[in-house]
N, C-alpha and C. Protein backbone atom coordinates (compact mmCIF):
# COMPACT_ATOMS: atom_id res chain seq x y z
N MET A 1 14.48 35.88 -73.97
CA MET A 1 14.42 37.07 -73.12
C MET A 1 12.99 37.19 -73.67
N THR A 2 12.32 36.49 -74.81
CA THR A 2 10.72 36.92 -74.73
C THR A 2 9.95 36.02 -73.48
N THR A 3 10.66 34.72 -73.40
CA THR A 3 9.81 34.10 -72.35
C THR A 3 9.85 35.17 -71.14
N LEU A 4 10.81 36.00 -70.28
CA LEU A 4 11.35 36.94 -69.75
C LEU A 4 10.00 38.13 -69.25
N ASN A 5 10.46 38.69 -70.46
CA ASN A 5 10.26 39.94 -70.84
C ASN A 5 8.91 40.26 -71.65
N GLU A 6 8.31 39.36 -71.95
CA GLU A 6 6.96 39.48 -72.66
C GLU A 6 5.89 37.93 -72.07
N THR A 7 6.30 37.39 -71.25
CA THR A 7 5.09 36.31 -71.05
C THR A 7 5.10 36.19 -69.86
N ARG A 8 4.57 37.04 -69.20
CA ARG A 8 4.40 37.52 -67.73
C ARG A 8 3.25 37.11 -67.15
N PRO A 9 3.09 36.85 -65.88
CA PRO A 9 4.33 36.45 -65.23
C PRO A 9 4.87 35.13 -65.19
N LEU A 10 6.01 34.82 -65.14
CA LEU A 10 6.58 33.09 -65.45
C LEU A 10 6.11 32.32 -64.22
N PRO A 11 5.75 31.35 -64.53
CA PRO A 11 4.99 30.39 -63.66
C PRO A 11 5.97 29.51 -63.16
N ALA A 12 5.63 29.22 -61.76
CA ALA A 12 6.49 28.76 -60.76
C ALA A 12 7.00 27.78 -60.99
N THR A 13 8.10 26.56 -60.90
CA THR A 13 8.81 25.45 -61.48
C THR A 13 9.10 24.74 -60.08
N GLY A 14 9.08 25.50 -58.80
CA GLY A 14 8.97 24.57 -58.02
C GLY A 14 8.07 24.96 -56.47
N GLU A 15 8.31 25.15 -54.85
CA GLU A 15 7.59 25.39 -54.02
C GLU A 15 7.78 27.14 -53.63
N VAL A 16 6.09 27.88 -53.84
CA VAL A 16 5.81 29.11 -53.65
C VAL A 16 5.36 29.24 -51.87
N ASN A 17 6.49 29.39 -51.30
CA ASN A 17 6.39 30.26 -50.30
C ASN A 17 5.61 31.52 -49.57
N THR A 18 5.02 32.16 -49.32
CA THR A 18 3.81 33.04 -49.08
C THR A 18 3.57 33.38 -47.78
N GLY A 19 4.13 32.87 -46.74
CA GLY A 19 4.27 33.27 -45.43
C GLY A 19 5.10 34.84 -44.93
N PRO A 20 4.95 34.97 -43.95
CA PRO A 20 5.63 36.31 -43.87
C PRO A 20 6.97 35.93 -43.83
N ILE A 21 7.94 37.06 -44.34
CA ILE A 21 9.70 36.55 -44.16
C ILE A 21 10.62 36.83 -43.19
N ALA A 22 9.62 37.30 -41.76
CA ALA A 22 10.29 37.59 -40.53
C ALA A 22 10.52 36.04 -40.44
N LEU A 23 9.57 34.84 -40.88
CA LEU A 23 9.46 33.53 -40.60
C LEU A 23 10.68 33.11 -40.70
N ASP A 24 10.96 33.58 -41.63
CA ASP A 24 12.38 32.42 -42.50
C ASP A 24 13.68 32.87 -41.48
N ILE A 25 14.24 31.64 -41.26
CA ILE A 25 15.41 31.43 -40.66
C ILE A 25 16.79 31.08 -41.77
N HIS A 26 17.79 31.48 -41.42
CA HIS A 26 18.91 31.38 -42.26
C HIS A 26 20.33 30.94 -41.27
N GLU A 27 20.33 29.92 -41.48
CA GLU A 27 21.46 29.06 -40.34
C GLU A 27 22.95 28.50 -41.17
N ASP A 28 22.55 28.72 -42.46
CA ASP A 28 23.87 28.47 -42.89
C ASP A 28 25.25 28.98 -43.19
N GLY A 29 24.84 30.46 -43.03
CA GLY A 29 26.22 31.03 -42.84
C GLY A 29 26.83 31.35 -44.21
N GLU A 30 26.02 30.69 -45.55
CA GLU A 30 27.13 31.03 -46.44
C GLU A 30 27.68 32.20 -47.27
N LEU A 31 26.97 33.24 -46.86
CA LEU A 31 27.35 34.32 -47.40
C LEU A 31 27.75 35.33 -46.07
N ASP A 32 28.62 34.48 -45.03
CA ASP A 32 28.70 35.75 -43.94
C ASP A 32 29.89 35.87 -44.46
N ARG A 33 30.86 35.49 -45.12
CA ARG A 33 32.09 36.46 -45.25
C ARG A 33 31.54 37.66 -46.24
N LEU A 34 30.87 37.49 -47.17
CA LEU A 34 30.63 38.94 -48.23
C LEU A 34 29.76 39.59 -47.20
N TRP A 35 28.81 39.23 -46.28
CA TRP A 35 28.20 40.25 -45.56
C TRP A 35 29.30 41.51 -44.79
N ALA A 36 30.30 40.50 -44.20
CA ALA A 36 31.36 41.36 -43.64
C ALA A 36 32.22 41.98 -44.58
N ALA A 37 32.16 41.66 -45.68
CA ALA A 37 33.10 42.59 -46.33
C ALA A 37 32.91 44.02 -46.69
N VAL A 38 31.33 43.99 -46.49
CA VAL A 38 30.45 45.20 -47.13
C VAL A 38 29.55 45.57 -46.14
N VAL A 39 30.36 45.54 -44.60
CA VAL A 39 29.01 46.36 -43.62
C VAL A 39 28.87 47.99 -44.18
N PRO A 40 30.51 48.65 -44.60
CA PRO A 40 30.13 49.75 -44.82
C PRO A 40 29.46 50.00 -45.84
N GLU A 41 28.99 49.43 -46.78
CA GLU A 41 27.70 49.79 -47.85
C GLU A 41 26.42 49.43 -47.35
N THR A 42 26.35 48.66 -46.06
CA THR A 42 25.15 48.49 -45.24
C THR A 42 24.53 49.52 -44.73
N ARG A 43 25.70 51.31 -44.48
CA ARG A 43 24.71 51.73 -43.23
C ARG A 43 24.35 52.90 -44.59
N ALA A 44 24.14 52.83 -45.84
CA ALA A 44 23.59 53.93 -46.58
C ALA A 44 22.57 53.45 -46.98
N ARG A 45 21.63 54.35 -47.00
CA ARG A 45 20.28 54.48 -47.51
C ARG A 45 19.11 53.19 -47.26
N GLY A 46 19.32 52.95 -45.83
CA GLY A 46 18.48 51.77 -44.91
C GLY A 46 18.80 50.26 -45.70
N ASN A 47 20.40 50.34 -45.97
CA ASN A 47 20.73 48.98 -46.64
C ASN A 47 20.88 47.63 -45.59
N ASP A 48 21.11 48.48 -44.82
CA ASP A 48 21.05 47.05 -43.35
C ASP A 48 19.86 46.48 -43.49
N ILE A 49 18.81 46.96 -43.99
CA ILE A 49 17.44 46.33 -43.97
C ILE A 49 17.07 45.93 -45.25
N HIS A 50 17.17 46.28 -46.10
CA HIS A 50 16.83 46.30 -47.41
C HIS A 50 17.73 45.41 -48.08
N LEU A 51 18.66 45.26 -48.01
CA LEU A 51 19.47 43.94 -48.31
C LEU A 51 18.91 42.94 -47.39
N PRO A 52 19.42 42.42 -46.74
CA PRO A 52 18.59 41.63 -45.48
C PRO A 52 17.17 40.44 -46.51
N ILE A 53 16.63 41.76 -46.27
CA ILE A 53 15.06 41.22 -46.39
C ILE A 53 14.81 40.55 -47.72
N SER A 54 15.51 41.38 -48.60
CA SER A 54 15.40 41.28 -50.36
C SER A 54 15.98 40.14 -50.41
N LEU A 55 17.06 39.77 -49.76
CA LEU A 55 17.54 38.43 -49.81
C LEU A 55 16.94 37.24 -49.14
N SER A 56 16.25 37.26 -48.37
CA SER A 56 15.48 36.20 -47.77
C SER A 56 14.54 36.30 -49.01
N PHE A 57 13.75 36.93 -49.02
CA PHE A 57 12.77 37.07 -50.55
C PHE A 57 13.64 36.10 -51.59
N ALA A 58 14.82 36.85 -52.37
CA ALA A 58 15.48 36.01 -53.27
C ALA A 58 15.59 34.25 -52.82
N ARG A 59 16.04 33.86 -51.81
CA ARG A 59 16.22 32.65 -51.36
C ARG A 59 14.77 32.00 -52.02
N ARG A 60 13.38 32.51 -51.25
CA ARG A 60 12.45 31.96 -51.73
C ARG A 60 12.10 31.77 -53.22
N LEU A 61 12.64 33.11 -53.89
CA LEU A 61 12.69 32.59 -55.25
C LEU A 61 13.51 31.78 -55.93
N CYS A 62 14.39 31.33 -55.24
CA CYS A 62 15.27 30.27 -55.90
C CYS A 62 14.58 28.99 -55.53
N ASP A 63 14.10 29.10 -54.39
CA ASP A 63 13.13 27.23 -54.21
C ASP A 63 12.18 27.34 -55.41
N ALA A 64 11.02 28.79 -55.98
CA ALA A 64 10.14 28.71 -56.45
C ALA A 64 10.91 28.30 -57.80
N TYR A 65 11.78 28.43 -58.28
CA TYR A 65 12.70 28.97 -59.39
C TYR A 65 13.94 27.81 -59.30
N PRO A 66 13.64 26.58 -59.26
CA PRO A 66 15.53 26.08 -58.81
C PRO A 66 16.28 25.46 -60.16
N GLU A 67 15.51 26.19 -61.39
CA GLU A 67 16.49 26.04 -62.29
C GLU A 67 17.44 26.93 -62.17
N ALA A 68 17.03 27.80 -61.65
CA ALA A 68 17.92 29.41 -61.82
C ALA A 68 19.68 29.36 -60.81
N ASP A 69 20.40 29.69 -61.13
CA ASP A 69 22.15 29.61 -60.71
C ASP A 69 21.84 30.29 -58.99
N ARG A 70 21.32 29.64 -58.18
CA ARG A 70 20.96 30.38 -56.94
C ARG A 70 22.31 30.88 -56.24
N THR A 71 23.83 30.91 -56.28
CA THR A 71 24.37 31.49 -56.12
C THR A 71 24.58 32.43 -56.42
N LEU A 72 24.37 32.98 -57.98
CA LEU A 72 24.43 33.87 -58.82
C LEU A 72 23.34 34.96 -58.30
N VAL A 73 22.30 34.50 -58.05
CA VAL A 73 20.90 35.30 -57.20
C VAL A 73 21.29 35.96 -56.16
N LEU A 74 21.41 34.65 -55.37
CA LEU A 74 21.89 35.32 -53.91
C LEU A 74 22.73 36.04 -53.61
N VAL A 75 24.17 36.26 -54.39
CA VAL A 75 25.22 37.39 -54.39
C VAL A 75 24.83 38.79 -55.44
N ALA A 76 24.18 38.68 -56.13
CA ALA A 76 23.62 39.40 -57.16
C ALA A 76 23.01 40.46 -56.09
N THR A 77 21.67 39.45 -55.18
CA THR A 77 20.61 40.48 -54.55
C THR A 77 21.70 40.86 -53.34
N LEU A 78 22.44 40.76 -52.98
CA LEU A 78 23.32 40.92 -51.51
C LEU A 78 24.13 42.03 -52.21
N LEU A 79 24.26 42.52 -52.73
CA LEU A 79 25.54 43.51 -53.40
C LEU A 79 24.68 44.48 -54.12
N HIS A 80 23.70 44.56 -54.71
CA HIS A 80 22.83 45.22 -56.15
C HIS A 80 22.74 46.76 -55.76
N ASP A 81 22.64 47.01 -54.21
CA ASP A 81 22.22 48.37 -54.14
C ASP A 81 24.06 49.43 -53.18
N THR A 82 25.01 48.26 -53.23
CA THR A 82 26.02 48.76 -52.12
C THR A 82 26.12 50.08 -52.50
N GLY A 83 26.14 50.11 -53.87
CA GLY A 83 26.70 51.21 -54.38
C GLY A 83 25.93 52.67 -53.76
N TRP A 84 24.83 52.57 -53.13
CA TRP A 84 24.38 53.79 -52.95
C TRP A 84 25.01 54.30 -51.61
N ALA A 85 26.18 53.98 -51.58
CA ALA A 85 26.95 53.91 -50.65
C ALA A 85 28.26 54.79 -50.63
N HIS A 86 28.43 54.94 -52.72
CA HIS A 86 29.39 55.64 -53.16
C HIS A 86 28.65 56.98 -53.97
N VAL A 87 27.49 57.35 -53.58
CA VAL A 87 27.00 58.91 -54.42
C VAL A 87 27.23 59.63 -53.61
N ASP A 88 26.56 60.94 -54.00
CA ASP A 88 26.24 61.84 -53.14
C ASP A 88 25.00 61.56 -52.08
N LYS A 89 25.23 61.60 -50.95
CA LYS A 89 24.11 61.15 -49.69
C LYS A 89 23.61 62.34 -49.72
N ASP A 90 23.93 63.23 -50.15
CA ASP A 90 22.64 64.50 -50.01
C ASP A 90 21.65 64.54 -51.04
N LYS A 91 22.38 63.88 -52.37
CA LYS A 91 21.42 63.92 -53.55
C LYS A 91 20.28 62.15 -53.45
N ILE A 92 20.60 61.73 -52.24
CA ILE A 92 20.11 60.18 -52.76
C ILE A 92 18.30 60.16 -52.82
N ILE A 93 17.71 61.03 -51.59
CA ILE A 93 16.46 61.15 -52.03
C ILE A 93 15.63 61.94 -52.77
N SER A 94 16.57 63.49 -52.87
CA SER A 94 15.91 64.81 -53.45
C SER A 94 15.87 64.26 -55.21
N ASP A 95 17.10 63.54 -55.23
CA ASP A 95 17.28 63.34 -56.89
C ASP A 95 16.86 61.69 -57.42
N GLY A 96 17.03 60.47 -56.38
CA GLY A 96 16.52 59.41 -56.32
C GLY A 96 15.18 58.74 -56.18
N PHE A 97 14.22 59.73 -55.21
CA PHE A 97 13.25 59.45 -55.25
C PHE A 97 12.61 60.23 -55.20
N ARG A 98 12.55 61.33 -56.25
CA ARG A 98 11.29 62.53 -56.11
C ARG A 98 11.65 62.69 -57.64
N GLY A 99 10.52 63.57 -58.33
CA GLY A 99 10.61 63.71 -59.34
C GLY A 99 10.45 62.78 -60.36
N ASP A 100 11.14 62.61 -61.43
CA ASP A 100 11.14 61.72 -62.51
C ASP A 100 12.02 60.82 -62.14
N TRP A 101 12.34 60.20 -60.75
CA TRP A 101 13.24 59.32 -60.54
C TRP A 101 13.87 58.30 -60.93
N ARG A 102 13.04 57.73 -61.28
CA ARG A 102 13.49 56.52 -62.58
C ARG A 102 14.35 57.01 -63.52
N LYS A 103 14.82 58.15 -63.96
CA LYS A 103 15.72 58.27 -64.89
C LYS A 103 16.48 59.12 -64.13
N ALA A 104 16.84 59.24 -63.17
CA ALA A 104 17.40 60.44 -62.23
C ALA A 104 19.27 59.53 -62.56
N ASP A 105 20.27 60.23 -62.86
CA ASP A 105 21.41 60.36 -62.78
C ASP A 105 21.93 59.35 -62.38
N ILE A 106 21.69 59.80 -60.52
CA ILE A 106 21.57 58.94 -59.37
C ILE A 106 21.75 57.27 -59.72
N ARG A 107 20.64 57.11 -60.08
CA ARG A 107 20.47 55.55 -60.30
C ARG A 107 21.17 54.95 -61.07
N TYR A 108 21.93 55.66 -62.41
CA TYR A 108 22.88 54.72 -62.91
C TYR A 108 24.03 54.85 -62.14
N GLU A 109 24.30 56.05 -61.88
CA GLU A 109 25.38 56.25 -60.58
C GLU A 109 25.62 54.63 -59.62
N HIS A 110 24.64 54.56 -58.68
CA HIS A 110 24.64 53.61 -58.04
C HIS A 110 24.68 52.52 -58.32
N GLU A 111 24.46 52.10 -59.36
CA GLU A 111 24.20 50.99 -60.33
C GLU A 111 25.59 50.66 -60.95
N ARG A 112 26.56 51.73 -61.23
CA ARG A 112 27.77 51.86 -61.78
C ARG A 112 29.00 51.02 -60.63
N GLU A 113 28.43 52.04 -59.64
CA GLU A 113 29.07 52.32 -58.42
C GLU A 113 29.09 50.18 -57.34
N GLY A 114 27.93 49.75 -57.71
CA GLY A 114 27.42 48.42 -57.41
C GLY A 114 28.49 47.77 -57.99
N CYS A 115 29.04 47.79 -59.37
CA CYS A 115 29.63 46.36 -59.71
C CYS A 115 30.83 47.23 -59.51
N ALA A 116 31.44 48.18 -59.24
CA ALA A 116 32.29 48.38 -58.60
C ALA A 116 32.74 47.45 -57.56
N VAL A 117 31.76 47.63 -56.34
CA VAL A 117 31.77 47.17 -55.15
C VAL A 117 31.99 45.33 -55.03
N ALA A 118 31.11 44.97 -56.62
CA ALA A 118 31.14 43.45 -56.56
C ALA A 118 32.76 43.33 -57.00
N ARG A 119 33.49 43.83 -57.66
CA ARG A 119 34.71 43.64 -58.81
C ARG A 119 35.87 43.72 -57.32
N ARG A 120 35.23 44.89 -56.34
CA ARG A 120 36.44 44.69 -55.56
C ARG A 120 36.40 43.72 -54.37
N VAL A 121 35.35 43.60 -53.94
CA VAL A 121 35.45 42.22 -52.91
C VAL A 121 35.08 40.87 -53.54
N LEU A 122 34.54 40.28 -54.40
CA LEU A 122 34.32 39.01 -54.75
C LEU A 122 35.41 37.95 -55.14
N PRO A 123 36.50 38.85 -55.40
CA PRO A 123 38.01 38.33 -56.10
C PRO A 123 38.30 37.46 -54.73
N SER A 124 38.96 38.48 -53.71
CA SER A 124 39.06 37.81 -52.54
C SER A 124 38.81 36.65 -51.82
N LEU A 125 37.51 36.65 -51.96
CA LEU A 125 36.61 35.56 -51.57
C LEU A 125 36.27 34.50 -52.53
N GLY A 126 36.97 34.02 -53.50
CA GLY A 126 37.17 32.79 -54.51
C GLY A 126 36.17 33.06 -55.68
N PHE A 127 35.62 34.19 -55.91
CA PHE A 127 34.86 34.41 -57.27
C PHE A 127 35.70 34.04 -58.36
N ALA A 128 35.87 33.48 -59.39
CA ALA A 128 35.93 33.86 -60.53
C ALA A 128 35.47 34.76 -61.14
N GLU A 129 36.57 35.10 -62.35
CA GLU A 129 36.15 36.62 -62.84
C GLU A 129 35.11 36.60 -63.77
N GLU A 130 34.71 35.34 -64.68
CA GLU A 130 33.23 35.06 -65.18
C GLU A 130 31.68 35.63 -64.53
N PHE A 131 32.36 34.51 -63.06
CA PHE A 131 31.04 34.67 -62.06
C PHE A 131 30.77 36.02 -61.72
N ILE A 132 31.87 37.33 -61.44
CA ILE A 132 31.69 38.40 -61.29
C ILE A 132 31.15 39.51 -62.55
N GLU A 133 31.81 38.91 -63.59
CA GLU A 133 30.74 39.51 -64.48
C GLU A 133 29.47 39.62 -64.57
N ALA A 134 29.20 38.47 -64.79
CA ALA A 134 27.91 38.21 -64.88
C ALA A 134 26.94 38.60 -63.49
N VAL A 135 27.59 38.79 -62.00
CA VAL A 135 27.40 39.85 -61.06
C VAL A 135 26.83 40.90 -61.57
N CYS A 136 28.25 41.51 -61.94
CA CYS A 136 27.87 43.08 -62.79
C CYS A 136 26.90 43.44 -63.52
N LEU A 137 26.32 42.20 -64.91
CA LEU A 137 25.60 42.37 -66.07
C LEU A 137 24.80 42.19 -65.15
N ILE A 138 23.98 41.72 -64.31
CA ILE A 138 22.56 41.80 -63.48
C ILE A 138 22.33 43.14 -62.53
N ILE A 139 23.63 43.65 -61.76
CA ILE A 139 23.57 45.02 -61.22
C ILE A 139 23.33 46.26 -61.83
N ASP A 140 23.90 46.06 -63.19
CA ASP A 140 24.41 47.07 -63.92
C ASP A 140 22.89 47.49 -64.67
N GLY A 141 22.34 47.94 -64.63
CA GLY A 141 20.68 48.09 -64.84
C GLY A 141 19.45 47.61 -64.20
N HIS A 142 19.50 47.00 -63.11
CA HIS A 142 18.75 46.33 -62.38
C HIS A 142 17.69 47.40 -62.09
N ASP A 143 18.21 48.88 -61.51
CA ASP A 143 16.72 49.74 -61.54
C ASP A 143 16.94 50.29 -62.98
N THR A 144 17.25 50.53 -63.84
CA THR A 144 17.09 51.65 -64.75
C THR A 144 17.04 50.95 -66.31
N ARG A 145 17.22 49.33 -66.47
CA ARG A 145 17.11 48.96 -67.93
C ARG A 145 15.38 48.14 -67.80
N ALA A 146 15.33 48.12 -69.15
CA ALA A 146 13.78 48.34 -69.04
C ALA A 146 13.31 46.52 -69.26
N VAL A 147 14.19 45.81 -69.48
CA VAL A 147 14.61 43.76 -69.59
C VAL A 147 15.33 43.13 -68.42
N ALA A 148 14.83 42.41 -68.20
CA ALA A 148 15.45 41.51 -67.54
C ALA A 148 16.65 40.29 -68.41
N TYR A 149 18.15 40.27 -68.40
CA TYR A 149 18.73 39.32 -69.34
C TYR A 149 18.50 37.83 -69.35
N SER A 150 18.22 37.86 -68.12
CA SER A 150 17.87 36.20 -67.47
C SER A 150 17.13 36.10 -66.79
N LEU A 151 17.45 34.34 -66.58
CA LEU A 151 15.76 33.98 -65.31
C LEU A 151 16.65 34.33 -63.91
N GLU A 152 17.84 34.61 -63.58
CA GLU A 152 18.68 34.98 -62.58
C GLU A 152 18.70 36.71 -62.27
N ASP A 153 18.61 37.72 -63.15
CA ASP A 153 18.46 38.97 -63.17
C ASP A 153 17.14 38.81 -62.61
N ALA A 154 16.05 38.42 -63.54
CA ALA A 154 14.39 38.62 -63.37
C ALA A 154 14.47 38.03 -61.23
N LEU A 155 14.95 37.29 -61.42
CA LEU A 155 14.39 36.91 -59.54
C LEU A 155 14.89 37.91 -58.77
N MET A 156 16.50 38.52 -59.42
CA MET A 156 17.13 39.52 -58.43
C MET A 156 16.03 40.56 -58.26
N ARG A 157 15.80 41.36 -59.85
CA ARG A 157 14.60 42.10 -59.73
C ARG A 157 13.83 42.00 -59.07
N ASP A 158 12.85 40.59 -59.02
CA ASP A 158 11.56 40.68 -57.79
C ASP A 158 11.94 40.72 -56.66
N ALA A 159 13.07 40.33 -56.10
CA ALA A 159 13.29 40.35 -55.02
C ALA A 159 13.76 41.67 -54.53
N ASP A 160 13.92 42.55 -55.08
CA ASP A 160 14.19 44.05 -54.93
C ASP A 160 13.23 44.79 -54.90
N ARG A 161 12.16 44.19 -55.44
CA ARG A 161 10.56 45.13 -55.01
C ARG A 161 10.02 44.21 -53.92
N LEU A 162 10.03 42.64 -54.00
CA LEU A 162 9.50 42.49 -52.51
C LEU A 162 9.55 42.91 -51.53
N TRP A 163 10.47 42.92 -51.02
CA TRP A 163 10.84 43.56 -49.82
C TRP A 163 10.01 45.08 -49.46
N ARG A 164 9.54 45.72 -50.58
CA ARG A 164 8.73 46.84 -50.39
C ARG A 164 7.91 46.24 -49.79
N PHE A 165 6.86 45.20 -49.79
CA PHE A 165 5.71 44.96 -49.20
C PHE A 165 5.46 44.30 -48.07
N ASP A 166 6.51 44.13 -47.13
CA ASP A 166 7.01 43.74 -46.01
C ASP A 166 6.45 44.67 -45.05
N HIS A 167 5.85 44.64 -43.80
CA HIS A 167 5.88 46.18 -43.06
C HIS A 167 7.07 47.00 -42.64
N ALA A 168 8.47 46.15 -42.69
CA ALA A 168 9.74 47.10 -42.79
C ALA A 168 10.16 47.95 -44.00
N GLY A 169 9.44 46.99 -44.90
CA GLY A 169 9.84 47.97 -46.14
C GLY A 169 9.13 48.78 -46.37
N ILE A 170 7.58 48.87 -46.32
CA ILE A 170 6.95 49.84 -46.09
C ILE A 170 7.36 51.01 -44.87
N ALA A 171 7.29 50.92 -44.04
CA ALA A 171 8.18 51.63 -42.75
C ALA A 171 8.76 52.33 -42.89
N LEU A 172 10.27 51.76 -44.28
CA LEU A 172 11.25 52.63 -44.72
C LEU A 172 11.33 53.60 -46.10
N ALA A 173 10.41 53.04 -46.70
CA ALA A 173 10.25 53.11 -48.10
C ALA A 173 9.13 54.44 -48.64
N SER A 174 8.30 54.29 -47.28
CA SER A 174 7.03 55.19 -47.38
C SER A 174 7.54 56.75 -47.54
N GLY A 175 8.70 56.64 -46.44
CA GLY A 175 9.54 57.76 -46.27
C GLY A 175 10.15 58.05 -47.37
N TRP A 176 11.12 57.10 -48.09
CA TRP A 176 11.80 58.37 -49.09
C TRP A 176 10.97 58.54 -50.42
N PHE A 177 10.00 58.09 -50.60
CA PHE A 177 8.71 59.08 -51.12
C PHE A 177 7.88 60.12 -50.65
N ASP A 178 7.84 59.60 -49.46
CA ASP A 178 6.91 61.40 -48.86
C ASP A 178 5.64 61.10 -49.25
N GLN A 179 5.57 59.55 -48.92
CA GLN A 179 3.79 59.02 -48.74
C GLN A 179 3.66 58.59 -47.34
N ASP A 180 2.40 58.56 -47.19
CA ASP A 180 1.96 57.96 -45.91
C ASP A 180 1.98 56.29 -46.50
N PRO A 181 1.49 54.95 -45.39
CA PRO A 181 1.19 54.10 -45.80
C PRO A 181 0.35 53.67 -46.54
N ALA A 182 -0.72 54.65 -46.34
CA ALA A 182 -2.56 54.11 -47.37
C ALA A 182 -1.59 54.10 -48.30
N ARG A 183 -1.31 55.13 -49.11
CA ARG A 183 -0.89 56.08 -50.22
C ARG A 183 0.26 55.34 -50.74
N TYR A 184 1.11 54.65 -50.21
CA TYR A 184 2.58 53.82 -50.69
C TYR A 184 2.07 52.52 -51.02
N THR A 185 1.26 51.62 -49.70
CA THR A 185 0.74 50.47 -50.24
C THR A 185 -0.34 50.36 -51.64
N ASP A 186 -1.06 51.39 -51.52
CA ASP A 186 -2.06 51.55 -52.89
C ASP A 186 -1.06 51.59 -54.36
N ARG A 187 0.09 52.36 -54.41
CA ARG A 187 1.35 52.61 -55.38
C ARG A 187 2.05 50.97 -55.38
N LEU A 188 1.89 50.30 -54.32
CA LEU A 188 2.44 48.70 -54.37
C LEU A 188 1.66 48.07 -55.29
N GLU A 189 0.28 48.26 -55.53
CA GLU A 189 -0.49 47.65 -55.75
C GLU A 189 -0.63 48.09 -57.26
N THR A 190 -1.02 49.45 -57.72
CA THR A 190 -0.90 49.65 -58.86
C THR A 190 0.19 49.62 -59.80
N GLU A 191 1.19 50.14 -59.06
CA GLU A 191 2.30 50.03 -60.29
C GLU A 191 3.69 48.90 -59.96
N ILE A 192 3.71 48.73 -58.41
CA ILE A 192 4.84 47.54 -58.21
C ILE A 192 4.67 46.10 -58.65
N ILE A 193 3.38 45.70 -58.48
CA ILE A 193 3.06 44.29 -58.85
C ILE A 193 2.80 43.88 -60.54
N PRO A 194 2.62 44.81 -60.59
CA PRO A 194 2.77 45.16 -62.57
C PRO A 194 4.21 44.60 -62.71
N GLU A 195 5.06 45.29 -62.78
CA GLU A 195 6.46 45.51 -62.59
C GLU A 195 7.17 43.86 -62.78
N LEU A 196 6.38 43.16 -61.30
CA LEU A 196 6.97 41.97 -61.50
C LEU A 196 7.18 40.74 -62.03
N ILE A 197 8.13 40.22 -62.86
CA ILE A 197 8.21 39.33 -63.58
C ILE A 197 7.88 38.00 -63.41
N THR A 198 7.75 37.18 -62.12
CA THR A 198 7.51 35.97 -61.90
C THR A 198 5.90 35.62 -61.26
N GLN A 199 5.74 34.76 -61.67
CA GLN A 199 4.25 34.39 -60.94
C GLN A 199 4.47 34.07 -58.93
N ALA A 200 5.44 33.95 -59.13
CA ALA A 200 6.03 33.73 -57.23
C ALA A 200 6.22 34.67 -56.95
N ALA A 201 6.73 35.54 -57.48
CA ALA A 201 6.91 37.04 -56.77
C ALA A 201 5.20 37.79 -56.81
N VAL A 202 4.53 37.60 -57.40
CA VAL A 202 3.09 38.26 -57.45
C VAL A 202 2.59 37.89 -56.33
N ASP A 203 2.29 36.30 -56.28
CA ASP A 203 2.06 35.50 -55.16
C ASP A 203 2.74 36.02 -53.66
N MET A 204 3.30 36.03 -53.31
CA MET A 204 3.97 36.76 -52.43
C MET A 204 4.26 38.00 -52.35
N ALA A 205 4.28 38.86 -53.01
CA ALA A 205 3.71 40.46 -53.18
C ALA A 205 2.22 40.58 -52.80
N THR A 206 1.04 39.76 -53.44
CA THR A 206 -0.22 39.91 -52.90
C THR A 206 -0.49 39.27 -51.42
N ALA A 207 0.08 38.41 -50.94
CA ALA A 207 0.02 38.27 -49.94
C ALA A 207 0.33 38.73 -49.10
N ASP A 208 1.56 39.09 -48.94
CA ASP A 208 2.34 40.53 -47.98
C ASP A 208 1.61 41.47 -47.99
N LEU A 209 1.08 42.21 -49.16
CA LEU A 209 0.42 43.34 -48.99
C LEU A 209 -0.31 43.43 -48.13
N ALA A 210 -1.47 42.21 -48.76
CA ALA A 210 -2.52 41.95 -47.26
C ALA A 210 -2.34 42.21 -46.13
N ARG A 211 -1.18 41.50 -45.80
CA ARG A 211 -1.08 41.06 -44.27
C ARG A 211 -0.53 42.30 -43.81
N SER A 212 0.19 43.13 -44.72
CA SER A 212 0.86 44.50 -44.31
C SER A 212 -0.05 45.80 -43.70
N ARG A 213 -1.45 45.66 -45.02
CA ARG A 213 -2.27 47.03 -44.95
C ARG A 213 -3.03 46.73 -43.59
N LYS A 214 -3.66 45.20 -43.67
CA LYS A 214 -4.43 45.01 -42.19
C LYS A 214 -3.15 45.20 -40.75
N LEU A 215 -1.95 44.98 -40.42
CA LEU A 215 -1.27 45.75 -39.89
C LEU A 215 -1.13 46.89 -39.72
N LEU A 216 -1.24 47.78 -40.38
CA LEU A 216 -1.18 48.88 -40.47
C LEU A 216 -2.46 49.69 -40.54
N ARG A 217 -3.60 49.19 -40.68
CA ARG A 217 -4.30 49.71 -40.89
C ARG A 217 -4.80 50.82 -41.62
N THR A 218 -4.66 50.53 -42.96
CA THR A 218 -4.44 51.26 -44.43
C THR A 218 -5.49 51.72 -44.35
N GLU A 219 -7.05 50.91 -44.05
CA GLU A 219 -8.17 51.53 -44.62
C GLU A 219 -8.62 52.41 -43.70
N VAL A 220 -8.30 52.71 -42.82
CA VAL A 220 -8.84 54.27 -42.11
C VAL A 220 -7.87 55.16 -41.73
N LEU A 221 -6.83 54.97 -41.63
CA LEU A 221 -5.49 55.54 -41.40
C LEU A 221 -4.90 56.01 -43.05
N ARG A 222 -5.99 57.02 -43.77
CA ARG A 222 -5.80 57.50 -44.67
C ARG A 222 -6.04 59.07 -45.27
């Protein structure tokens, strides 16, 4: 716990890829059955954009930290926000992305619901109960808990934030926060990069932010 939450950023032990995430190609199909099981949950709050991009970043982070349990990181990342499909959709933006949004009840609720999704879909796919509870331990608190419990928890948290630095993430999330891309990318630099736990995530975020700012001409469109 001390290493993860007090000694930041955590140095990478493997290869760090800072290229555009859209260049990554995943042909292994290892999680296709899990994706198929949660298609309805991907239709809420832009999860069909957020979750695949976050999962790609999670794969990169696992390459950078090969000592982590890769399957645990990937499954937790794929499922972490599925709970948004099971909360009051009319309150997702008004409560979850406005005002003191980090402490909003709906954020705790979506975490609990995400655990319910994991416990519903994973047993039939052959995952053991102990593994499922490890997934839920990561999901429960990924937005609201101040600390990461494990390296796998940290990698999932960083993957959840890294998608925001890609231009697709900026296009979607800036609207949730009612900000233009220039203001939103400023926030990414001042608020979100300091939240990242691993050095690999910091390197990826910094590179992606520079590319996105150039692409979106934020130096003049502000």
